[in-house]
Amino acid sequence: GDFSNWGTLAEVTNFVAWFSSMPHKTKILVPGNHDMIMDEAYYNCYYKDWTPDGIKRSTKEAYDLFRKHGITVLLDESTTVEGVKIYGTPWVRQYASWQTAFNRKEKDILQYWEKLQPADILLTHQPPKGFGDRSGSSVPLGCEHLLHKVQKVVKPKLHVFGHEHLDVGIFETESTTFVNAASVDNFYEIREPIVVE
């Protein structure tokens, strides 16, 4: 997630061109809270706040770009690749008084965690509590409800997320490898990707 900064169709187009040029046979992602155009309900209400020219673009066109280039976007759903089940969900807890894409209050985000199902790999934008979830103040900002569902329901071998740009890295437990793979820092400078084999 957060493959764009303002969530514009132009940013999506540029990202799709770059991502589709990568040599990997399979490309899967979940959007993040910056990817405004990917959250249709949010975008329909707030597109003027995020589009420099104030012109509304098509959410469908954004999703069609991914499909056309063979990129799978997971929104509370799973896909299976070579026998490996991958579940993805883009939602994050509301962390400020304003809203962004895929952003829900604590009480409202639980409905999305209830949809989680067993998978080998879990892709979320929100980090779980205690793993790669520290902000600049070192306060853990991950979601404890998500962590509970990850440990009790999903039980993935690998859980990949982002959202918190400062606490990147690999965090191992006996049953799950947690990876905060945020590709930029808080100043949106690109960092080297994390590779998990």
C-alpha atoms as a PDB file:
ATOM      1  CA  GLY A   1       0.000   0.000   0.000  1.00  0.00           C
ATOM      2  CA  ASP A   2       0.807   3.679  -0.315  1.00  0.00           C
ATOM      3  CA  PHE A   3       2.028   3.272  -3.865  1.00  0.00           C
ATOM      4  CA  SER A   4       0.893   6.868  -4.364  1.00  0.00           C
ATOM      5  CA  ASN A   5       1.131  10.011  -2.289  1.00  0.00           C
ATOM      6  CA  TRP A   6      -2.083  11.808  -3.226  1.00  0.00           C
ATOM      7  CA  GLY A   7      -3.987   8.843  -4.646  1.00  0.00           C
ATOM      8  CA  THR A   8      -4.375  10.305  -8.122  1.00  0.00           C
ATOM      9  CA  LEU A   9      -4.982   8.331 -11.296  1.00  0.00           C
ATOM     10  CA  ALA A  10      -1.712   9.711 -12.710  1.00  0.00           C
ATOM     11  CA  GLU A  11       0.199   8.268  -9.731  1.00  0.00           C
ATOM     12  CA  VAL A  12      -1.577   4.933 -10.128  1.00  0.00           C
ATOM     13  CA  THR A  13      -0.687   4.913 -13.836  1.00  0.00           C
ATOM     14  CA  ASN A  14       2.986   5.585 -13.061  1.00  0.00           C
ATOM     15  CA  PHE A  15       3.075   2.935 -10.351  1.00  0.00           C
ATOM     16  CA  VAL A  16       1.414   0.306 -12.547  1.00  0.00           C
ATOM     17  CA  ALA A  17       3.951   1.003 -15.312  1.00  0.00           C
ATOM     18  CA  TRP A  18       6.828   0.550 -12.853  1.00  0.00           C
ATOM     19  CA  PHE A  19       5.372  -2.455 -10.990  1.00  0.00           C
ATOM     20  CA  SER A  20       4.421  -4.311 -14.161  1.00  0.00           C
ATOM     21  CA  SER A  21       7.996  -3.901 -15.423  1.00  0.00           C
ATOM     22  CA  MET A  22       9.367  -5.907 -12.473  1.00  0.00           C
ATOM     23  CA  PRO A  23      10.597  -9.384 -13.448  1.00  0.00           C
ATOM     24  CA  HIS A  24       8.404 -11.243 -10.931  1.00  0.00           C
ATOM     25  CA  LYS A  25       5.827 -13.552 -12.481  1.00  0.00           C
ATOM     26  CA  THR A  26       3.199 -12.832  -9.815  1.00  0.00           C
ATOM     27  CA  LYS A  27       2.395  -9.353  -8.522  1.00  0.00           C
ATOM     28  CA  ILE A  28      -0.058  -8.883  -5.650  1.00  0.00           C
ATOM     29  CA  LEU A  29      -0.799  -5.866  -3.454  1.00  0.00           C
ATOM     30  CA  VAL A  30      -3.186  -4.198  -1.069  1.00  0.00           C
ATOM     31  CA  PRO A  31      -3.752  -0.436  -1.287  1.00  0.00           C
ATOM     32  CA  GLY A  32      -2.898   1.860   1.602  1.00  0.00           C
ATOM     33  CA  ASN A  33      -4.338   4.972   3.176  1.00  0.00           C
ATOM     34  CA  HIS A  34      -2.617   7.262   0.639  1.00  0.00           C
ATOM     35  CA  ASP A  35      -4.177   5.479  -2.336  1.00  0.00           C
ATOM     36  CA  MET A  36      -7.315   7.619  -2.315  1.00  0.00           C
ATOM     37  CA  ILE A  37      -8.699   6.676  -5.720  1.00  0.00           C
ATOM     38  CA  MET A  38      -8.680   2.996  -4.752  1.00  0.00           C
ATOM     39  CA  ASP A  39     -11.253   3.526  -1.973  1.00  0.00           C
ATOM     40  CA  GLU A  40     -14.310   4.401  -4.043  1.00  0.00           C
ATOM     41  CA  ALA A  41     -16.587   5.538  -1.196  1.00  0.00           C
ATOM     42  CA  TYR A  42     -13.872   7.752   0.277  1.00  0.00           C
ATOM     43  CA  TYR A  43     -12.770   9.097  -3.106  1.00  0.00           C
ATOM     44  CA  ASN A  44     -16.323   9.989  -4.135  1.00  0.00           C
ATOM     45  CA  CYS A  45     -16.605  12.228  -1.059  1.00  0.00           C
ATOM     46  CA  TYR A  46     -13.107  13.701  -0.844  1.00  0.00           C
ATOM     47  CA  TYR A  47     -11.526  13.646  -4.314  1.00  0.00           C
ATOM     48  CA  LYS A  48     -11.387  17.470  -4.452  1.00  0.00           C
ATOM     49  CA  ASP A  49      -9.123  17.460  -1.389  1.00  0.00           C
ATOM     50  CA  TRP A  50      -6.598  15.233  -3.165  1.00  0.00           C
ATOM     51  CA  THR A  51      -6.760  16.145  -6.860  1.00  0.00           C
ATOM     52  CA  PRO A  52      -4.792  19.252  -7.831  1.00  0.00           C
ATOM     53  CA  ASP A  53      -7.137  20.079 -10.723  1.00  0.00           C
ATOM     54  CA  GLY A  54     -10.305  19.132  -8.795  1.00  0.00           C
ATOM     55  CA  ILE A  55     -11.424  16.766 -11.558  1.00  0.00           C
ATOM     56  CA  LYS A  56     -12.870  13.457 -10.465  1.00  0.00           C
ATOM     57  CA  ARG A  57     -11.284  10.416 -12.103  1.00  0.00           C
ATOM     58  CA  SER A  58     -12.583   6.877 -12.278  1.00  0.00           C
ATOM     59  CA  THR A  59     -11.904   4.384  -9.501  1.00  0.00           C
ATOM     60  CA  LYS A  60     -12.879   1.653 -11.960  1.00  0.00           C
ATOM     61  CA  GLU A  61     -10.236   2.909 -14.393  1.00  0.00           C
ATOM     62  CA  ALA A  62      -7.603   2.669 -11.648  1.00  0.00           C
ATOM     63  CA  TYR A  63      -8.541  -0.950 -10.861  1.00  0.00           C
ATOM     64  CA  ASP A  64      -8.725  -1.779 -14.573  1.00  0.00           C
ATOM     65  CA  LEU A  65      -5.122  -0.575 -14.996  1.00  0.00           C
ATOM     66  CA  PHE A  66      -3.945  -3.138 -12.447  1.00  0.00           C
ATOM     67  CA  ARG A  67      -6.014  -5.934 -14.030  1.00  0.00           C
ATOM     68  CA  LYS A  68      -4.835  -5.068 -17.539  1.00  0.00           C
ATOM     69  CA  HIS A  69      -1.220  -5.447 -16.389  1.00  0.00           C
ATOM     70  CA  GLY A  70      -1.812  -8.720 -14.521  1.00  0.00           C
ATOM     71  CA  ILE A  71      -1.491  -7.213 -11.036  1.00  0.00           C
ATOM     72  CA  THR A  72      -3.811  -8.625  -8.378  1.00  0.00           C
ATOM     73  CA  VAL A  73      -5.297  -6.121  -5.918  1.00  0.00           C
ATOM     74  CA  LEU A  74      -6.679  -7.772  -2.793  1.00  0.00           C
ATOM     75  CA  LEU A  75      -9.552  -6.093  -0.932  1.00  0.00           C
ATOM     76  CA  ASP A  76     -10.696  -8.391   1.869  1.00  0.00           C
ATOM     77  CA  GLU A  77     -10.145 -11.451  -0.293  1.00  0.00           C
ATOM     78  CA  SER A  78      -7.679 -14.178  -1.070  1.00  0.00           C
ATOM     79  CA  THR A  79      -5.914 -15.671  -4.031  1.00  0.00           C
ATOM     80  CA  THR A  80      -3.910 -18.857  -4.337  1.00  0.00           C
ATOM     81  CA  VAL A  81      -0.620 -18.969  -6.211  1.00  0.00           C
ATOM     82  CA  GLU A  82       1.130 -22.297  -6.712  1.00  0.00           C
ATOM     83  CA  GLY A  83      -0.671 -23.741  -3.695  1.00  0.00           C
ATOM     84  CA  VAL A  84       0.075 -20.754  -1.432  1.00  0.00           C
ATOM     85  CA  LYS A  85      -3.016 -18.961  -0.104  1.00  0.00           C
ATOM     86  CA  ILE A  86      -2.591 -15.171   0.185  1.00  0.00           C
ATOM     87  CA  TYR A  87      -5.181 -12.990   1.908  1.00  0.00           C
ATOM     88  CA  GLY A  88      -5.116  -9.205   1.663  1.00  0.00           C
ATOM     89  CA  THR A  89      -6.919  -6.324   3.356  1.00  0.00           C
ATOM     90  CA  PRO A  90      -6.120  -2.578   3.073  1.00  0.00           C
ATOM     91  CA  TRP A  91      -7.810  -1.163   6.193  1.00  0.00           C
ATOM     92  CA  VAL A  92      -6.083   0.940   8.865  1.00  0.00           C
ATOM     93  CA  ARG A  93      -7.308   2.349  12.160  1.00  0.00           C
ATOM     94  CA  GLN A  94      -8.095   6.040  12.082  1.00  0.00           C
ATOM     95  CA  TYR A  95      -5.087   7.688  13.684  1.00  0.00           C
ATOM     96  CA  ALA A  96      -5.959  11.388  13.310  1.00  0.00           C
ATOM     97  CA  SER A  97      -9.001  13.651  13.311  1.00  0.00           C
ATOM     98  CA  TRP A  98      -9.072  13.648   9.500  1.00  0.00           C
ATOM     99  CA  GLN A  99      -9.777  10.660   7.295  1.00  0.00           C
ATOM    100  CA  THR A 100      -7.820   9.063   4.507  1.00  0.00           C
ATOM    101  CA  ALA A 101      -8.542   6.088   2.272  1.00  0.00           C
ATOM    102  CA  PHE A 102      -9.309   2.722   3.875  1.00  0.00           C
ATOM    103  CA  ASN A 103      -9.377   4.447   7.263  1.00  0.00           C
ATOM    104  CA  ARG A 104     -11.822   3.340   9.976  1.00  0.00           C
ATOM    105  CA  LYS A 105     -12.408   4.133  13.626  1.00  0.00           C
ATOM    106  CA  GLU A 106     -11.429   1.430  16.116  1.00  0.00           C
ATOM    107  CA  LYS A 107     -14.981   0.156  16.583  1.00  0.00           C
ATOM    108  CA  ASP A 108     -15.622   0.087  12.833  1.00  0.00           C
ATOM    109  CA  ILE A 109     -12.437  -1.668  11.759  1.00  0.00           C
ATOM    110  CA  LEU A 110     -13.353  -4.832  13.650  1.00  0.00           C
ATOM    111  CA  GLN A 111     -15.815  -5.831  10.914  1.00  0.00           C
ATOM    112  CA  TYR A 112     -12.890  -6.093   8.481  1.00  0.00           C
ATOM    113  CA  TRP A 113     -10.776  -8.173  10.858  1.00  0.00           C
ATOM    114  CA  GLU A 114     -13.771 -10.532  11.259  1.00  0.00           C
ATOM    115  CA  LYS A 115     -13.446 -11.332   7.530  1.00  0.00           C
ATOM    116  CA  LEU A 116      -9.876 -12.584   7.953  1.00  0.00           C
ATOM    117  CA  GLN A 117      -9.440 -16.255   7.150  1.00  0.00           C
ATOM    118  CA  PRO A 118      -6.650 -18.791   7.388  1.00  0.00           C
ATOM    119  CA  ALA A 119      -3.853 -18.113   4.885  1.00  0.00           C
ATOM    120  CA  ASP A 120      -0.195 -18.874   4.302  1.00  0.00           C
ATOM    121  CA  ILE A 121       0.582 -15.206   3.646  1.00  0.00           C
ATOM    122  CA  LEU A 122      -1.313 -12.202   5.002  1.00  0.00           C
ATOM    123  CA  LEU A 123      -0.966  -8.765   3.390  1.00  0.00           C
ATOM    124  CA  THR A 124      -2.320  -5.806   5.359  1.00  0.00           C
ATOM    125  CA  HIS A 125      -1.534  -2.125   5.405  1.00  0.00           C
ATOM    126  CA  GLN A 126      -2.106  -1.846   9.162  1.00  0.00           C
ATOM    127  CA  PRO A 127       0.594  -3.396  11.343  1.00  0.00           C
ATOM    128  CA  PRO A 128      -0.416  -5.655  14.198  1.00  0.00           C
ATOM    129  CA  LYS A 129       0.390  -4.449  17.710  1.00  0.00           C
ATOM    130  CA  GLY A 130       3.975  -5.057  18.751  1.00  0.00           C
ATOM    131  CA  PHE A 131       5.559  -5.827  15.371  1.00  0.00           C
ATOM    132  CA  GLY A 132       6.969  -3.037  13.204  1.00  0.00           C
ATOM    133  CA  ASP A 133       4.390  -0.617  14.553  1.00  0.00           C
ATOM    134  CA  ARG A 134       6.400   2.071  16.345  1.00  0.00           C
ATOM    135  CA  SER A 135       6.170   5.693  15.353  1.00  0.00           C
ATOM    136  CA  GLY A 136       8.767   8.379  15.940  1.00  0.00           C
ATOM    137  CA  SER A 137       7.683   8.512  19.589  1.00  0.00           C
ATOM    138  CA  SER A 138       8.388   4.765  19.989  1.00  0.00           C
ATOM    139  CA  VAL A 139       4.767   4.226  20.951  1.00  0.00           C
ATOM    140  CA  PRO A 140       3.353   1.034  19.408  1.00  0.00           C
ATOM    141  CA  LEU A 141       0.546   2.010  17.040  1.00  0.00           C
ATOM    142  CA  GLY A 142      -0.389  -1.419  15.740  1.00  0.00           C
ATOM    143  CA  CYS A 143      -3.811  -2.912  16.201  1.00  0.00           C
ATOM    144  CA  GLU A 144      -4.172  -5.467  18.991  1.00  0.00           C
ATOM    145  CA  HIS A 145      -7.419  -6.796  17.459  1.00  0.00           C
ATOM    146  CA  LEU A 146      -5.553  -7.483  14.222  1.00  0.00           C
ATOM    147  CA  LEU A 147      -2.771  -9.240  16.130  1.00  0.00           C
ATOM    148  CA  HIS A 148      -5.333 -11.429  17.887  1.00  0.00           C
ATOM    149  CA  LYS A 149      -6.931 -12.450  14.567  1.00  0.00           C
ATOM    150  CA  VAL A 150      -3.521 -13.076  13.004  1.00  0.00           C
ATOM    151  CA  GLN A 151      -2.495 -15.374  15.855  1.00  0.00           C
ATOM    152  CA  LYS A 152      -5.833 -17.159  16.394  1.00  0.00           C
ATOM    153  CA  VAL A 153      -7.481 -17.280  12.951  1.00  0.00           C
ATOM    154  CA  VAL A 154      -5.157 -16.524  10.033  1.00  0.00           C
ATOM    155  CA  LYS A 155      -2.043 -18.191  11.448  1.00  0.00           C
ATOM    156  CA  PRO A 156       0.106 -17.164   8.483  1.00  0.00           C
ATOM    157  CA  LYS A 157       3.703 -18.161   7.973  1.00  0.00           C
ATOM    158  CA  LEU A 158       4.298 -14.609   6.701  1.00  0.00           C
ATOM    159  CA  HIS A 159       2.493 -11.339   7.519  1.00  0.00           C
ATOM    160  CA  VAL A 160       3.613  -8.351   5.409  1.00  0.00           C
ATOM    161  CA  PHE A 161       2.441  -4.797   6.095  1.00  0.00           C
ATOM    162  CA  GLY A 162       3.608  -1.181   6.053  1.00  0.00           C
ATOM    163  CA  HIS A 163       1.922   2.050   7.170  1.00  0.00           C
ATOM    164  CA  GLU A 164       4.416   2.853   9.940  1.00  0.00           C
ATOM    165  CA  HIS A 165       7.383   4.139   7.942  1.00  0.00           C
ATOM    166  CA  LEU A 166       9.947   4.187  10.753  1.00  0.00           C
ATOM    167  CA  ASP A 167       9.799   0.668  12.174  1.00  0.00           C
ATOM    168  CA  VAL A 168      10.699  -1.400   9.122  1.00  0.00           C
ATOM    169  CA  GLY A 169      12.220  -4.821   9.400  1.00  0.00           C
ATOM    170  CA  ILE A 170      11.658  -8.517   9.953  1.00  0.00           C
ATOM    171  CA  PHE A 171      10.211  -9.726  13.258  1.00  0.00           C
ATOM    172  CA  GLU A 172      10.257 -13.477  13.900  1.00  0.00           C
ATOM    173  CA  THR A 173       8.035 -15.494  16.186  1.00  0.00           C
ATOM    174  CA  GLU A 174       7.780 -19.250  16.510  1.00  0.00           C
ATOM    175  CA  SER A 175       4.885 -19.444  14.053  1.00  0.00           C
ATOM    176  CA  THR A 176       4.882 -16.228  11.975  1.00  0.00           C
ATOM    177  CA  THR A 177       7.418 -13.957  10.324  1.00  0.00           C
ATOM    178  CA  PHE A 178       6.152 -10.352  10.508  1.00  0.00           C
ATOM    179  CA  VAL A 179       7.587  -7.889   7.981  1.00  0.00           C
ATOM    180  CA  ASN A 180       7.106  -4.140   7.968  1.00  0.00           C
ATOM    181  CA  ALA A 181       8.091  -3.561   4.347  1.00  0.00           C
ATOM    182  CA  ALA A 182       7.377   0.198   4.173  1.00  0.00           C
ATOM    183  CA  SER A 183       9.426   1.314   1.185  1.00  0.00           C
ATOM    184  CA  VAL A 184       9.768   4.955   2.211  1.00  0.00           C
ATOM    185  CA  ASP A 185      10.737   6.784   5.376  1.00  0.00           C
ATOM    186  CA  ASN A 186       8.722   9.596   7.011  1.00  0.00           C
ATOM    187  CA  PHE A 187      10.187  12.055   4.495  1.00  0.00           C
ATOM    188  CA  TYR A 188       9.118   9.778   1.621  1.00  0.00           C
ATOM    189  CA  GLU A 189      12.687   8.955   0.699  1.00  0.00           C
ATOM    190  CA  ILE A 190      12.843   5.514  -0.925  1.00  0.00           C
ATOM    191  CA  ARG A 191      14.734   2.854   0.971  1.00  0.00           C
ATOM    192  CA  GLU A 192      16.115  -0.494  -0.144  1.00  0.00           C
ATOM    193  CA  PRO A 193      13.395  -3.151  -0.316  1.00  0.00           C
ATOM    194  CA  ILE A 194      13.152  -5.907   2.241  1.00  0.00           C
ATOM    195  CA  VAL A 195      13.509  -9.336   0.665  1.00  0.00           C
ATOM    196  CA  VAL A 196      12.068 -12.439   2.317  1.00  0.00           C
ATOM    197  CA  GLU A 197      12.822 -15.829   0.830  1.00  0.00           C
END
